[in-house]
C-alpha atoms as a PDB file:
ATOM      1  CA  UNK A   1     -61.822 -19.363  13.928  1.00  0.00           C
ATOM      2  CA  UNK A   2     -61.658 -18.643  17.671  1.00  0.00           C
ATOM      3  CA  UNK A   3     -58.804 -18.211  20.113  1.00  0.00           C
ATOM      4  CA  UNK A   4     -59.453 -18.477  23.862  1.00  0.00           C
ATOM      5  CA  UNK A   5     -57.022 -17.512  26.622  1.00  0.00           C
ATOM      6  CA  UNK A   6     -56.880 -19.109  30.088  1.00  0.00           C
ATOM      7  CA  UNK A   7     -53.954 -17.259  31.751  1.00  0.00           C
ATOM      8  CA  UNK A   8     -50.237 -18.087  31.887  1.00  0.00           C
ATOM      9  CA  UNK A   9     -49.491 -19.679  28.469  1.00  0.00           C
ATOM     10  CA  UNK A  10     -52.719 -21.647  28.152  1.00  0.00           C
ATOM     11  CA  UNK A  11     -54.719 -21.217  24.949  1.00  0.00           C
ATOM     12  CA  UNK A  12     -57.421 -23.038  22.998  1.00  0.00           C
ATOM     13  CA  UNK A  13     -57.626 -22.519  19.230  1.00  0.00           C
ATOM     14  CA  UNK A  14     -60.751 -23.689  17.416  1.00  0.00           C
ATOM     15  CA  UNK A  15     -61.385 -24.015  13.696  1.00  0.00           C
ATOM     16  CA  UNK A  16     -63.913 -26.390  12.153  1.00  0.00           C
ATOM     17  CA  UNK A  17     -63.227 -29.825  13.687  1.00  0.00           C
ATOM     18  CA  UNK A  18     -59.774 -28.852  15.003  1.00  0.00           C
ATOM     19  CA  UNK A  19     -59.331 -27.741  18.629  1.00  0.00           C
ATOM     20  CA  UNK A  20     -55.722 -27.226  19.709  1.00  0.00           C
ATOM     21  CA  UNK A  21     -54.966 -26.875  23.420  1.00  0.00           C
ATOM     22  CA  UNK A  22     -51.650 -25.307  24.410  1.00  0.00           C
ATOM     23  CA  UNK A  23     -50.220 -26.027  27.876  1.00  0.00           C
ATOM     24  CA  UNK A  24     -53.123 -27.547  29.880  1.00  0.00           C
ATOM     25  CA  UNK A  25     -51.607 -26.595  33.199  1.00  0.00           C
ATOM     26  CA  UNK A  26     -52.516 -25.749  36.783  1.00  0.00           C
ATOM     27  CA  UNK A  27     -53.739 -22.409  38.082  1.00  0.00           C
ATOM     28  CA  UNK A  28     -51.013 -21.656  40.654  1.00  0.00           C
ATOM     29  CA  UNK A  29     -53.050 -19.206  42.765  1.00  0.00           C
ATOM     30  CA  UNK A  30     -53.472 -20.876  46.172  1.00  0.00           C
ATOM     31  CA  UNK A  31     -57.137 -19.873  46.237  1.00  0.00           C
ATOM     32  CA  UNK A  32     -57.889 -21.629  42.949  1.00  0.00           C
ATOM     33  CA  UNK A  33     -55.615 -24.618  42.403  1.00  0.00           C
ATOM     34  CA  UNK A  34     -57.485 -26.106  39.463  1.00  0.00           C
ATOM     35  CA  UNK A  35     -57.207 -26.696  35.724  1.00  0.00           C
ATOM     36  CA  UNK A  36     -56.588 -23.566  33.679  1.00  0.00           C
ATOM     37  CA  UNK A  37     -58.662 -25.016  30.836  1.00  0.00           C
ATOM     38  CA  UNK A  38     -62.185 -25.623  32.169  1.00  0.00           C
ATOM     39  CA  UNK A  39     -63.031 -29.308  32.307  1.00  0.00           C
ATOM     40  CA  UNK A  40     -66.081 -28.669  30.124  1.00  0.00           C
ATOM     41  CA  UNK A  41     -63.653 -27.900  27.267  1.00  0.00           C
ATOM     42  CA  UNK A  42     -61.580 -31.082  27.522  1.00  0.00           C
ATOM     43  CA  UNK A  43     -63.685 -33.559  25.546  1.00  0.00           C
ATOM     44  CA  UNK A  44     -63.558 -31.721  22.202  1.00  0.00           C
ATOM     45  CA  UNK A  45     -59.782 -31.150  22.122  1.00  0.00           C
ATOM     46  CA  UNK A  46     -58.047 -32.739  19.095  1.00  0.00           C
ATOM     47  CA  UNK A  47     -54.384 -31.776  19.697  1.00  0.00           C
ATOM     48  CA  UNK A  48     -52.405 -31.022  22.876  1.00  0.00           C
ATOM     49  CA  UNK A  49     -49.220 -28.958  22.531  1.00  0.00           C
ATOM     50  CA  UNK A  50     -46.918 -28.710  25.550  1.00  0.00           C
ATOM     51  CA  UNK A  51     -44.038 -26.229  25.700  1.00  0.00           C
ATOM     52  CA  UNK A  52     -42.364 -27.690  28.838  1.00  0.00           C
ATOM     53  CA  UNK A  53     -42.946 -29.635  32.039  1.00  0.00           C
ATOM     54  CA  UNK A  54     -43.622 -26.922  34.640  1.00  0.00           C
ATOM     55  CA  UNK A  55     -46.900 -27.320  36.599  1.00  0.00           C
ATOM     56  CA  UNK A  56     -48.584 -24.235  35.125  1.00  0.00           C
ATOM     57  CA  UNK A  57     -48.064 -25.717  31.662  1.00  0.00           C
ATOM     58  CA  UNK A  58     -48.229 -29.496  32.188  1.00  0.00           C
ATOM     59  CA  UNK A  59     -50.131 -30.468  35.339  1.00  0.00           C
ATOM     60  CA  UNK A  60     -53.339 -31.759  33.697  1.00  0.00           C
ATOM     61  CA  UNK A  61     -51.872 -33.190  30.490  1.00  0.00           C
ATOM     62  CA  UNK A  62     -52.746 -36.808  31.298  1.00  0.00           C
ATOM     63  CA  UNK A  63     -56.284 -35.966  32.387  1.00  0.00           C
ATOM     64  CA  UNK A  64     -57.001 -33.869  29.291  1.00  0.00           C
ATOM     65  CA  UNK A  65     -55.483 -36.565  27.050  1.00  0.00           C
ATOM     66  CA  UNK A  66     -57.545 -39.302  28.707  1.00  0.00           C
ATOM     67  CA  UNK A  67     -60.831 -37.434  28.256  1.00  0.00           C
ATOM     68  CA  UNK A  68     -60.152 -36.072  24.771  1.00  0.00           C
ATOM     69  CA  UNK A  69     -58.108 -38.970  23.311  1.00  0.00           C
ATOM     70  CA  UNK A  70     -55.988 -36.264  21.665  1.00  0.00           C
ATOM     71  CA  UNK A  71     -52.317 -36.774  20.735  1.00  0.00           C
ATOM     72  CA  UNK A  72     -49.648 -34.895  22.674  1.00  0.00           C
ATOM     73  CA  UNK A  73     -46.903 -32.931  20.910  1.00  0.00           C
ATOM     74  CA  UNK A  74     -43.907 -31.919  23.028  1.00  0.00           C
ATOM     75  CA  UNK A  75     -40.143 -31.592  23.249  1.00  0.00           C
ATOM     76  CA  UNK A  76     -38.003 -34.722  23.294  1.00  0.00           C
ATOM     77  CA  UNK A  77     -36.856 -34.321  26.915  1.00  0.00           C
ATOM     78  CA  UNK A  78     -40.395 -34.963  28.194  1.00  0.00           C
ATOM     79  CA  UNK A  79     -40.412 -38.498  26.749  1.00  0.00           C
ATOM     80  CA  UNK A  80     -38.518 -41.721  27.482  1.00  0.00           C
ATOM     81  CA  UNK A  81     -38.757 -45.073  25.707  1.00  0.00           C
ATOM     82  CA  UNK A  82     -38.347 -48.324  27.608  1.00  0.00           C
ATOM     83  CA  UNK A  83     -38.485 -51.375  25.380  1.00  0.00           C
ATOM     84  CA  UNK A  84     -41.658 -51.086  23.328  1.00  0.00           C
ATOM     85  CA  UNK A  85     -43.310 -48.631  25.725  1.00  0.00           C
ATOM     86  CA  UNK A  86     -43.291 -44.820  25.738  1.00  0.00           C
ATOM     87  CA  UNK A  87     -43.425 -42.833  28.967  1.00  0.00           C
ATOM     88  CA  UNK A  88     -44.085 -39.159  29.546  1.00  0.00           C
ATOM     89  CA  UNK A  89     -42.769 -37.134  32.452  1.00  0.00           C
ATOM     90  CA  UNK A  90     -45.144 -37.661  35.378  1.00  0.00           C
ATOM     91  CA  UNK A  91     -47.280 -34.492  35.537  1.00  0.00           C
ATOM     92  CA  UNK A  92     -47.599 -34.399  39.320  1.00  0.00           C
ATOM     93  CA  UNK A  93     -44.448 -36.284  40.312  1.00  0.00           C
ATOM     94  CA  UNK A  94     -41.570 -34.739  42.225  1.00  0.00           C
ATOM     95  CA  UNK A  95     -38.389 -34.237  40.265  1.00  0.00           C
ATOM     96  CA  UNK A  96     -37.848 -35.981  36.933  1.00  0.00           C
ATOM     97  CA  UNK A  97     -39.822 -39.225  36.824  1.00  0.00           C
ATOM     98  CA  UNK A  98     -41.037 -40.734  33.550  1.00  0.00           C
ATOM     99  CA  UNK A  99     -44.013 -42.535  35.032  1.00  0.00           C
ATOM    100  CA  UNK A 100     -46.878 -41.904  32.607  1.00  0.00           C
ATOM    101  CA  UNK A 101     -47.225 -44.631  29.986  1.00  0.00           C
ATOM    102  CA  UNK A 102     -48.581 -42.988  26.869  1.00  0.00           C
ATOM    103  CA  UNK A 103     -48.246 -44.057  23.224  1.00  0.00           C
ATOM    104  CA  UNK A 104     -50.104 -41.237  21.469  1.00  0.00           C
ATOM    105  CA  UNK A 105     -47.217 -38.770  21.687  1.00  0.00           C
ATOM    106  CA  UNK A 106     -45.149 -36.993  19.040  1.00  0.00           C
ATOM    107  CA  UNK A 107     -41.861 -35.273  19.824  1.00  0.00           C
ATOM    108  CA  UNK A 108     -40.454 -32.376  17.837  1.00  0.00           C
ATOM    109  CA  UNK A 109     -37.014 -30.782  17.953  1.00  0.00           C
ATOM    110  CA  UNK A 110     -35.891 -27.264  17.044  1.00  0.00           C
ATOM    111  CA  UNK A 111     -36.143 -26.810  13.279  1.00  0.00           C
ATOM    112  CA  UNK A 112     -38.028 -30.079  12.805  1.00  0.00           C
ATOM    113  CA  UNK A 113     -41.520 -30.173  11.269  1.00  0.00           C
ATOM    114  CA  UNK A 114     -44.025 -32.959  11.849  1.00  0.00           C
ATOM    115  CA  UNK A 115     -47.630 -33.489  10.785  1.00  0.00           C
ATOM    116  CA  UNK A 116     -50.123 -34.704  13.385  1.00  0.00           C
ATOM    117  CA  UNK A 117     -53.686 -35.438  12.316  1.00  0.00           C
ATOM    118  CA  UNK A 118     -53.584 -32.877   9.525  1.00  0.00           C
ATOM    119  CA  UNK A 119     -51.776 -30.105  11.441  1.00  0.00           C
ATOM    120  CA  UNK A 120     -48.176 -29.214  10.513  1.00  0.00           C
ATOM    121  CA  UNK A 121     -46.127 -28.283  13.580  1.00  0.00           C
ATOM    122  CA  UNK A 122     -42.586 -26.883  13.597  1.00  0.00           C
ATOM    123  CA  UNK A 123     -40.334 -26.840  16.654  1.00  0.00           C
ATOM    124  CA  UNK A 124     -38.831 -23.479  17.650  1.00  0.00           C
ATOM    125  CA  UNK A 125     -36.009 -22.641  20.025  1.00  0.00           C
ATOM    126  CA  UNK A 126     -37.266 -21.856  23.537  1.00  0.00           C
ATOM    127  CA  UNK A 127     -34.914 -21.264  26.467  1.00  0.00           C
ATOM    128  CA  UNK A 128     -36.500 -21.042  29.926  1.00  0.00           C
ATOM    129  CA  UNK A 129     -34.842 -18.554  32.245  1.00  0.00           C
ATOM    130  CA  UNK A 130     -34.112 -19.038  35.976  1.00  0.00           C
ATOM    131  CA  UNK A 131     -36.963 -18.828  38.459  1.00  0.00           C
ATOM    132  CA  UNK A 132     -36.574 -17.152  41.844  1.00  0.00           C
ATOM    133  CA  UNK A 133     -39.030 -18.237  44.565  1.00  0.00           C
ATOM    134  CA  UNK A 134     -39.292 -16.647  48.016  1.00  0.00           C
ATOM    135  CA  UNK A 135     -40.464 -18.808  50.920  1.00  0.00           C
ATOM    136  CA  UNK A 136     -41.395 -17.945  54.517  1.00  0.00           C
ATOM    137  CA  UNK A 137     -42.497 -14.408  53.625  1.00  0.00           C
ATOM    138  CA  UNK A 138     -39.256 -13.656  51.830  1.00  0.00           C
ATOM    139  CA  UNK A 139     -36.900 -14.934  54.524  1.00  0.00           C
ATOM    140  CA  UNK A 140     -35.794 -17.866  52.330  1.00  0.00           C
ATOM    141  CA  UNK A 141     -34.923 -17.306  48.684  1.00  0.00           C
ATOM    142  CA  UNK A 142     -34.234 -20.098  46.199  1.00  0.00           C
ATOM    143  CA  UNK A 143     -33.254 -19.817  42.561  1.00  0.00           C
ATOM    144  CA  UNK A 144     -34.132 -22.661  40.194  1.00  0.00           C
ATOM    145  CA  UNK A 145     -31.888 -22.695  37.131  1.00  0.00           C
ATOM    146  CA  UNK A 146     -32.844 -24.919  34.176  1.00  0.00           C
ATOM    147  CA  UNK A 147     -30.270 -27.562  33.383  1.00  0.00           C
ATOM    148  CA  UNK A 148     -29.272 -31.180  34.049  1.00  0.00           C
ATOM    149  CA  UNK A 149     -31.212 -32.677  36.929  1.00  0.00           C
ATOM    150  CA  UNK A 150     -33.657 -29.757  37.154  1.00  0.00           C
ATOM    151  CA  UNK A 151     -37.292 -30.070  36.185  1.00  0.00           C
ATOM    152  CA  UNK A 152     -37.922 -26.376  35.621  1.00  0.00           C
ATOM    153  CA  UNK A 153     -38.135 -25.655  31.893  1.00  0.00           C
ATOM    154  CA  UNK A 154     -37.646 -29.345  31.073  1.00  0.00           C
ATOM    155  CA  UNK A 155     -38.411 -30.140  27.433  1.00  0.00           C
ATOM    156  CA  UNK A 156     -38.615 -26.480  26.448  1.00  0.00           C
ATOM    157  CA  UNK A 157     -39.849 -26.003  22.873  1.00  0.00           C
ATOM    158  CA  UNK A 158     -41.812 -23.388  20.968  1.00  0.00           C
ATOM    159  CA  UNK A 159     -44.261 -24.119  18.177  1.00  0.00           C
ATOM    160  CA  UNK A 160     -45.159 -22.711  14.771  1.00  0.00           C
ATOM    161  CA  UNK A 161     -48.279 -24.319  13.342  1.00  0.00           C
ATOM    162  CA  UNK A 162     -51.037 -23.651  10.839  1.00  0.00           C
ATOM    163  CA  UNK A 163     -54.768 -23.975  11.434  1.00  0.00           C
ATOM    164  CA  UNK A 164     -56.995 -23.246   8.453  1.00  0.00           C
ATOM    165  CA  UNK A 165     -55.367 -20.281   6.736  1.00  0.00           C
ATOM    166  CA  UNK A 166     -53.797 -18.866   9.901  1.00  0.00           C
ATOM    167  CA  UNK A 167     -50.248 -19.430  11.135  1.00  0.00           C
ATOM    168  CA  UNK A 168     -49.566 -19.305  14.882  1.00  0.00           C
ATOM    169  CA  UNK A 169     -46.394 -19.053  16.954  1.00  0.00           C
ATOM    170  CA  UNK A 170     -46.346 -19.903  20.659  1.00  0.00           C
ATOM    171  CA  UNK A 171     -42.959 -19.582  22.365  1.00  0.00           C
ATOM    172  CA  UNK A 172     -43.652 -20.999  25.836  1.00  0.00           C
ATOM    173  CA  UNK A 173     -41.585 -19.558  28.702  1.00  0.00           C
ATOM    174  CA  UNK A 174     -38.451 -18.272  27.064  1.00  0.00           C
ATOM    175  CA  UNK A 175     -35.701 -15.698  26.950  1.00  0.00           C
ATOM    176  CA  UNK A 176     -35.043 -13.747  23.752  1.00  0.00           C
ATOM    177  CA  UNK A 177     -33.656 -15.834  20.880  1.00  0.00           C
ATOM    178  CA  UNK A 178     -32.254 -14.324  17.652  1.00  0.00           C
ATOM    179  CA  UNK A 179     -33.211 -17.499  15.760  1.00  0.00           C
ATOM    180  CA  UNK A 180     -36.844 -16.345  15.626  1.00  0.00           C
ATOM    181  CA  UNK A 181     -36.117 -13.721  12.992  1.00  0.00           C
ATOM    182  CA  UNK A 182     -38.405 -13.869   9.966  1.00  0.00           C
ATOM    183  CA  UNK A 183     -41.006 -16.318  11.312  1.00  0.00           C
ATOM    184  CA  UNK A 184     -43.821 -13.935  10.211  1.00  0.00           C
ATOM    185  CA  UNK A 185     -46.881 -15.711  11.663  1.00  0.00           C
ATOM    186  CA  UNK A 186     -50.380 -14.306  11.605  1.00  0.00           C
ATOM    187  CA  UNK A 187     -50.644 -14.596  15.408  1.00  0.00           C
ATOM    188  CA  UNK A 188     -47.821 -14.501  17.958  1.00  0.00           C
ATOM    189  CA  UNK A 189     -48.364 -15.536  21.595  1.00  0.00           C
ATOM    190  CA  UNK A 190     -45.418 -14.145  23.548  1.00  0.00           C
ATOM    191  CA  UNK A 191     -44.446 -14.044  27.261  1.00  0.00           C
ATOM    192  CA  UNK A 192     -43.623 -10.565  28.593  1.00  0.00           C
ATOM    193  CA  UNK A 193     -43.535 -11.007  32.392  1.00  0.00           C
ATOM    194  CA  UNK A 194     -39.788 -11.359  33.025  1.00  0.00           C
ATOM    195  CA  UNK A 195     -39.095  -7.987  34.605  1.00  0.00           C
ATOM    196  CA  UNK A 196     -38.743  -9.474  38.110  1.00  0.00           C
ATOM    197  CA  UNK A 197     -39.161 -13.247  37.775  1.00  0.00           C
ATOM    198  CA  UNK A 198     -36.558 -13.496  34.931  1.00  0.00           C
ATOM    199  CA  UNK A 199     -37.981 -16.823  33.691  1.00  0.00           C
ATOM    200  CA  UNK A 200     -39.192 -15.157  30.476  1.00  0.00           C
ATOM    201  CA  UNK A 201     -38.601 -12.026  28.465  1.00  0.00           C
ATOM    202  CA  UNK A 202     -39.585  -8.674  29.936  1.00  0.00           C
ATOM    203  CA  UNK A 203     -41.529  -6.041  27.960  1.00  0.00           C
ATOM    204  CA  UNK A 204     -38.454  -4.538  26.274  1.00  0.00           C
ATOM    205  CA  UNK A 205     -37.010  -7.901  25.284  1.00  0.00           C
ATOM    206  CA  UNK A 206     -40.403  -9.074  24.033  1.00  0.00           C
ATOM    207  CA  UNK A 207     -40.674  -5.955  21.863  1.00  0.00           C
ATOM    208  CA  UNK A 208     -37.321  -6.828  20.313  1.00  0.00           C
ATOM    209  CA  UNK A 209     -38.654 -10.320  19.658  1.00  0.00           C
ATOM    210  CA  UNK A 210     -41.766  -8.868  18.005  1.00  0.00           C
ATOM    211  CA  UNK A 211     -39.541  -6.870  15.661  1.00  0.00           C
ATOM    212  CA  UNK A 212     -37.586 -10.020  14.769  1.00  0.00           C
ATOM    213  CA  UNK A 213     -40.655 -12.215  14.279  1.00  0.00           C
ATOM    214  CA  UNK A 214     -42.848  -9.640  12.481  1.00  0.00           C
ATOM    215  CA  UNK A 215     -46.333 -11.056  13.180  1.00  0.00           C
ATOM    216  CA  UNK A 216     -49.658  -9.496  12.195  1.00  0.00           C
ATOM    217  CA  UNK A 217     -51.293  -9.882  15.629  1.00  0.00           C
ATOM    218  CA  UNK A 218     -49.483 -10.027  18.991  1.00  0.00           C
ATOM    219  CA  UNK A 219     -51.002 -11.555  22.128  1.00  0.00           C
ATOM    220  CA  UNK A 220     -48.876 -10.987  25.250  1.00  0.00           C
ATOM    221  CA  UNK A 221     -49.102 -13.645  27.956  1.00  0.00           C
ATOM    222  CA  UNK A 222     -47.518 -15.005  31.143  1.00  0.00           C
ATOM    223  CA  UNK A 223     -47.594 -11.742  33.084  1.00  0.00           C
ATOM    224  CA  UNK A 224     -49.504 -10.239  36.034  1.00  0.00           C
ATOM    225  CA  UNK A 225     -50.214 -13.803  37.211  1.00  0.00           C
ATOM    226  CA  UNK A 226     -50.639 -15.219  40.701  1.00  0.00           C
ATOM    227  CA  UNK A 227     -48.214 -17.693  42.241  1.00  0.00           C
ATOM    228  CA  UNK A 228     -49.304 -19.434  45.447  1.00  0.00           C
ATOM    229  CA  UNK A 229     -50.035 -16.625  47.945  1.00  0.00           C
ATOM    230  CA  UNK A 230     -48.638 -13.803  45.762  1.00  0.00           C
ATOM    231  CA  UNK A 231     -51.244 -12.022  43.649  1.00  0.00           C
ATOM    232  CA  UNK A 232     -48.761 -10.807  41.034  1.00  0.00           C
ATOM    233  CA  UNK A 233     -45.476 -12.628  40.682  1.00  0.00           C
ATOM    234  CA  UNK A 234     -44.482 -11.158  37.300  1.00  0.00           C
ATOM    235  CA  UNK A 235     -45.766  -7.569  37.007  1.00  0.00           C
ATOM    236  CA  UNK A 236     -45.816  -5.948  33.582  1.00  0.00           C
ATOM    237  CA  UNK A 237     -47.141  -2.783  31.979  1.00  0.00           C
ATOM    238  CA  UNK A 238     -49.187  -4.396  29.217  1.00  0.00           C
ATOM    239  CA  UNK A 239     -50.562  -1.044  27.991  1.00  0.00           C
ATOM    240  CA  UNK A 240     -47.000   0.190  27.385  1.00  0.00           C
ATOM    241  CA  UNK A 241     -46.278  -3.024  25.496  1.00  0.00           C
ATOM    242  CA  UNK A 242     -49.477  -2.693  23.448  1.00  0.00           C
ATOM    243  CA  UNK A 243     -48.698   0.890  22.437  1.00  0.00           C
ATOM    244  CA  UNK A 244     -45.170   0.000  21.366  1.00  0.00           C
ATOM    245  CA  UNK A 245     -46.434  -2.916  19.263  1.00  0.00           C
ATOM    246  CA  UNK A 246     -49.053  -0.723  17.617  1.00  0.00           C
ATOM    247  CA  UNK A 247     -46.409   1.915  16.903  1.00  0.00           C
ATOM    248  CA  UNK A 248     -44.646  -0.795  14.858  1.00  0.00           C
ATOM    249  CA  UNK A 249     -47.795  -1.120  12.741  1.00  0.00           C
ATOM    250  CA  UNK A 250     -48.993  -4.391  14.256  1.00  0.00           C
ATOM    251  CA  UNK A 251     -52.170  -5.268  16.136  1.00  0.00           C
ATOM    252  CA  UNK A 252     -51.957  -6.153  19.845  1.00  0.00           C
ATOM    253  CA  UNK A 253     -54.684  -7.993  21.745  1.00  0.00           C
ATOM    254  CA  UNK A 254     -54.731  -7.793  25.557  1.00  0.00           C
ATOM    255  CA  UNK A 255     -56.604 -10.830  26.896  1.00  0.00           C
ATOM    256  CA  UNK A 256     -57.705 -11.904  30.364  1.00  0.00           C
ATOM    257  CA  UNK A 257     -58.797 -15.282  31.703  1.00  0.00           C
ATOM    258  CA  UNK A 258     -61.620 -16.723  29.601  1.00  0.00           C
ATOM    259  CA  UNK A 259     -61.438 -14.031  26.922  1.00  0.00           C
ATOM    260  CA  UNK A 260     -62.146 -15.078  23.357  1.00  0.00           C
ATOM    261  CA  UNK A 261     -61.338 -13.416  20.040  1.00  0.00           C
ATOM    262  CA  UNK A 262     -62.531 -14.290  16.542  1.00  0.00           C
ATOM    263  CA  UNK A 263     -59.762 -14.356  13.927  1.00  0.00           C
END
């Protein structure tokens, strides 16, 4: 079994004939505005899991689905039904527009478990925090707060799923939630970059989450990433986080873009 990391919250998990892609989004660095998952990987994907509708998590969902023919699993707020047709939130549309006709989609709510092509997937609570963006070299500051009429964090959901004999938890972009206590997965993918950006947990909050969840292996993500012209929009001390996790008796894997580990 292999796990590959492609920055932000984008992962590819491979086992036998199963290849699960999480958040096939857009690289937001202005010098490399392209798919986080290399296009050479798209064809073999069997499942697409989407934690919410932000560009760095959702931008290429239709393109990956078209090439791979894989089903999409997401939160209910990313889907609308009109008559006999199902529409997904338009990946590259402004605002909230359900413009992508797509029938091979499964929605999951918090606490609900579904089975999609042999993979059991449980919905977990995920609450996206506010996002502060500075424009015009910091002269203009805008805060985007998730809620009615806002696209940021739309459809937020975490996932617990099993591949082979391994259980995975991916939380998406989220603040700390007490409801995660006792999940006990083999592998936890957790955002830790909320020290400045505030859209996710910071290192200290993520460590509290690790204690609640009690995984065997922890993979921190969504930190030290680029956003448009800024090289590092959510700085984090990942070595501090790693040491604290290891002091709890758990394994911590620090991964960079394109890194792969065998589980």
